[in-house]
């Protein structure tokens, strides 16, 4: 299999963590790609018409995207432990994944506005609105942080990665000050080997 890859992407990181937790990381080749919304990759576009990462080329040549589809597919190839099969546990895990992905969506949109858009065209209210989204999500997670425990599923892993992305890109916003219980959970959960081996600043092809 081939995974289109950028070390800064939390969605790519999530896919790799799921592969690692399922014991199939060695089956995936990494295809590094550099892109922005206005500087696409022809190689990536050929496999994913949306031009977004991650995209996974399977062993039979089909292409899967986005990270939610890729992660569930990888889980079926391994131990199948990241996605609860049914019932409340499944819906809770998927809900947490959606909330975590929303944090990443907002954080990335704010970053594009400040690091990709020309300064004269930047919209401060847009950035503030995106930060408001991810901070409201952090507050919601703080309210349920006591229920996260140490279970390892697509929900908790997604939350840990999203919060790690905020640490990586928005350290000055200090989400931990507004969410001390969540911060305590994250500090402990983040010691998971697959998360430590895929830290954004250390992740390499």
Protein backbone atom coordinates (compact mmCIF):
# COMPACT_ATOMS: atom_id res chain seq x y z
CA UNK A 1 0.00 0.00 0.00
CA UNK A 2 1.04 3.61 -0.53
CA UNK A 3 0.04 6.53 1.68
CA UNK A 4 0.42 10.10 0.48
CA UNK A 5 2.11 11.79 3.38
CA UNK A 6 3.00 15.09 4.99
CA UNK A 7 4.40 15.03 8.54
CA UNK A 8 2.42 18.09 9.65
CA UNK A 9 -0.98 16.63 8.75
CA UNK A 10 -2.95 15.35 11.77
CA UNK A 11 -5.10 13.27 9.41
CA UNK A 12 -2.06 11.50 7.99
CA UNK A 13 -0.80 10.98 11.52
CA UNK A 14 -4.12 9.42 12.54
CA UNK A 15 -3.92 6.96 9.64
CA UNK A 16 -0.38 5.93 10.57
CA UNK A 17 -1.29 5.53 14.25
CA UNK A 18 -4.21 3.25 13.33
CA UNK A 19 -1.87 1.20 11.15
CA UNK A 20 0.62 0.94 14.00
CA UNK A 21 -2.02 -0.05 16.52
CA UNK A 22 -3.13 -2.79 14.12
CA UNK A 23 0.40 -4.07 13.53
CA UNK A 24 0.41 -3.31 9.80
CA UNK A 25 2.58 -0.20 9.57
CA UNK A 26 5.24 -2.18 7.69
CA UNK A 27 2.76 -2.84 4.87
CA UNK A 28 2.50 0.86 4.02
CA UNK A 29 4.97 2.77 1.85
CA UNK A 30 5.11 6.52 2.38
CA UNK A 31 4.82 8.95 -0.55
CA UNK A 32 5.86 12.41 0.73
CA UNK A 33 3.98 15.30 -0.84
CA UNK A 34 4.15 19.06 -0.33
CA UNK A 35 1.03 21.04 -1.14
CA UNK A 36 -1.23 23.91 -0.15
CA UNK A 37 -4.75 24.73 -1.34
CA UNK A 38 -3.22 26.89 -4.10
CA UNK A 39 -0.20 24.70 -4.85
CA UNK A 40 -1.51 21.20 -5.57
CA UNK A 41 0.45 18.05 -6.28
CA UNK A 42 -0.03 16.52 -9.73
CA UNK A 43 0.93 13.08 -8.41
CA UNK A 44 -1.67 13.28 -5.65
CA UNK A 45 -4.33 14.70 -7.97
CA UNK A 46 -3.88 11.71 -10.24
CA UNK A 47 -5.00 9.41 -7.43
CA UNK A 48 -7.28 11.71 -5.45
CA UNK A 49 -9.20 14.24 -7.56
CA UNK A 50 -9.75 16.36 -4.43
CA UNK A 51 -5.99 16.77 -4.11
CA UNK A 52 -6.08 16.22 -0.34
CA UNK A 53 -4.11 14.06 2.04
CA UNK A 54 -4.18 11.43 3.24
CA UNK A 55 -4.96 9.22 0.28
CA UNK A 56 -4.22 5.49 0.41
CA UNK A 57 -3.50 3.38 -2.65
CA UNK A 58 -4.41 -0.17 -1.66
CA UNK A 59 -2.65 -3.36 -2.68
CA UNK A 60 -5.21 -3.89 -5.45
CA UNK A 61 -4.73 -0.38 -6.82
CA UNK A 62 -7.89 1.29 -5.56
CA UNK A 63 -7.59 4.64 -3.79
CA UNK A 64 -9.26 5.52 -0.50
CA UNK A 65 -9.78 8.95 1.06
CA UNK A 66 -10.33 10.73 3.51
CA UNK A 67 -8.72 9.73 6.85
CA UNK A 68 -11.97 8.38 8.31
CA UNK A 69 -12.38 5.93 5.44
CA UNK A 70 -8.67 5.05 5.43
CA UNK A 71 -8.60 4.40 9.18
CA UNK A 72 -11.61 2.12 9.10
CA UNK A 73 -10.16 0.23 6.14
CA UNK A 74 -6.81 -0.25 7.88
CA UNK A 75 -8.62 -1.48 10.97
CA UNK A 76 -10.22 -4.26 8.91
CA UNK A 77 -6.77 -5.40 7.76
CA UNK A 78 -5.38 -5.68 11.26
CA UNK A 79 -6.74 -6.55 14.66
CA UNK A 80 -9.90 -4.52 14.22
CA UNK A 81 -9.70 -2.99 17.68
CA UNK A 82 -9.92 0.70 16.87
CA UNK A 83 -13.55 0.80 15.76
CA UNK A 84 -16.09 -0.71 18.18
CA UNK A 85 -18.37 -3.03 16.25
CA UNK A 86 -21.75 -1.72 17.32
CA UNK A 87 -23.84 -0.04 19.96
CA UNK A 88 -23.15 3.03 22.11
CA UNK A 89 -19.39 2.42 22.19
CA UNK A 90 -19.20 2.65 18.40
CA UNK A 91 -21.27 5.82 18.14
CA UNK A 92 -19.34 7.47 20.94
CA UNK A 93 -16.00 6.66 19.28
CA UNK A 94 -17.22 7.99 15.93
CA UNK A 95 -18.62 11.12 17.58
CA UNK A 96 -15.30 11.83 19.26
CA UNK A 97 -13.50 11.30 15.97
CA UNK A 98 -15.83 13.80 14.28
CA UNK A 99 -15.27 16.36 17.06
CA UNK A 100 -11.50 15.88 16.87
CA UNK A 101 -11.51 16.19 13.08
CA UNK A 102 -13.52 19.40 13.48
CA UNK A 103 -10.82 20.78 15.76
CA UNK A 104 -8.23 20.00 13.10
CA UNK A 105 -10.38 21.43 10.30
CA UNK A 106 -10.75 24.75 12.12
CA UNK A 107 -7.10 24.87 13.15
CA UNK A 108 -5.90 24.21 9.60
CA UNK A 109 -8.26 26.81 8.10
CA UNK A 110 -6.94 29.41 10.54
CA UNK A 111 -3.39 28.49 9.67
CA UNK A 112 -4.06 28.76 5.92
CA UNK A 113 -5.44 32.25 6.50
CA UNK A 114 -2.31 33.43 8.29
CA UNK A 115 0.44 31.45 6.54
CA UNK A 116 -0.84 30.94 2.98
CA UNK A 117 -3.10 33.89 2.17
CA UNK A 118 -1.23 37.12 1.28
CA UNK A 119 -1.08 39.39 4.32
CA UNK A 120 -3.05 42.19 2.68
CA UNK A 121 -5.96 39.80 2.12
CA UNK A 122 -6.00 38.12 5.53
CA UNK A 123 -9.24 38.25 7.50
CA UNK A 124 -8.70 38.50 11.26
CA UNK A 125 -12.36 37.80 12.05
CA UNK A 126 -12.13 34.55 10.10
CA UNK A 127 -9.13 33.44 12.14
CA UNK A 128 -10.89 34.36 15.38
CA UNK A 129 -13.98 32.42 14.33
CA UNK A 130 -11.95 29.28 13.56
CA UNK A 131 -10.12 29.54 16.87
CA UNK A 132 -13.48 29.96 18.57
CA UNK A 133 -14.60 26.68 17.04
CA UNK A 134 -11.65 24.66 18.27
CA UNK A 135 -11.72 26.24 21.71
CA UNK A 136 -15.45 25.47 22.09
CA UNK A 137 -14.64 21.90 21.14
CA UNK A 138 -11.90 21.82 23.77
CA UNK A 139 -14.43 23.04 26.35
CA UNK A 140 -16.85 20.29 25.33
CA UNK A 141 -14.10 17.70 25.70
CA UNK A 142 -13.15 19.11 29.09
CA UNK A 143 -16.70 18.43 30.26
CA UNK A 144 -16.37 14.74 29.42
CA UNK A 145 -12.64 14.26 29.99
CA UNK A 146 -13.33 12.13 33.06
CA UNK A 147 -15.01 9.51 30.87
CA UNK A 148 -12.16 9.09 28.37
CA UNK A 149 -10.07 6.87 30.65
CA UNK A 150 -7.30 4.92 28.92
CA UNK A 151 -9.32 3.10 26.28
CA UNK A 152 -7.68 3.06 22.86
CA UNK A 153 -10.11 3.52 20.00
CA UNK A 154 -10.58 5.81 17.03
CA UNK A 155 -12.27 8.39 19.24
CA UNK A 156 -9.62 8.76 21.91
CA UNK A 157 -6.74 8.55 19.44
CA UNK A 158 -8.35 11.22 17.25
CA UNK A 159 -8.82 13.51 20.25
CA UNK A 160 -5.23 13.02 21.38
CA UNK A 161 -3.93 13.82 17.89
CA UNK A 162 -6.14 16.90 17.52
CA UNK A 163 -4.95 18.28 20.85
CA UNK A 164 -1.38 17.49 19.85
CA UNK A 165 -1.93 19.49 16.68
CA UNK A 166 -3.04 22.47 18.77
CA UNK A 167 0.17 22.10 20.80
CA UNK A 168 2.15 21.96 17.55
CA UNK A 169 0.57 24.92 15.75
CA UNK A 170 -1.14 26.99 18.46
CA UNK A 171 0.99 26.65 21.57
CA UNK A 172 0.48 30.33 22.38
CA UNK A 173 -3.29 29.81 22.65
CA UNK A 174 -2.65 27.41 25.55
CA UNK A 175 -5.76 25.23 25.39
CA UNK A 176 -4.51 23.43 28.53
CA UNK A 177 -5.19 26.46 30.74
CA UNK A 178 -8.88 26.28 29.81
CA UNK A 179 -9.13 22.50 30.15
CA UNK A 180 -7.04 21.17 33.08
CA UNK A 181 -8.80 17.80 33.37
CA UNK A 182 -8.48 17.20 29.64
CA UNK A 183 -4.85 18.29 29.80
CA UNK A 184 -4.16 15.72 32.51
CA UNK A 185 -5.78 12.97 30.44
CA UNK A 186 -3.84 14.04 27.34
CA UNK A 187 -0.49 14.08 29.10
CA UNK A 188 -1.02 10.49 30.22
CA UNK A 189 -2.64 9.13 27.06
CA UNK A 190 -0.03 10.79 24.84
CA UNK A 191 2.58 8.36 26.14
CA UNK A 192 1.07 5.68 23.89
CA UNK A 193 3.94 4.34 21.78
CA UNK A 194 2.21 4.97 18.45
CA UNK A 195 1.61 8.61 19.41
CA UNK A 196 5.15 9.15 20.66
CA UNK A 197 6.58 7.69 17.46
CA UNK A 198 4.49 9.99 15.27
CA UNK A 199 4.99 13.37 16.90
CA UNK A 200 4.55 16.02 14.15
CA UNK A 201 8.01 17.50 14.62
CA UNK A 202 9.61 14.05 14.50
CA UNK A 203 7.51 12.18 11.91
CA UNK A 204 9.59 11.42 8.85
CA UNK A 205 9.03 9.40 5.66
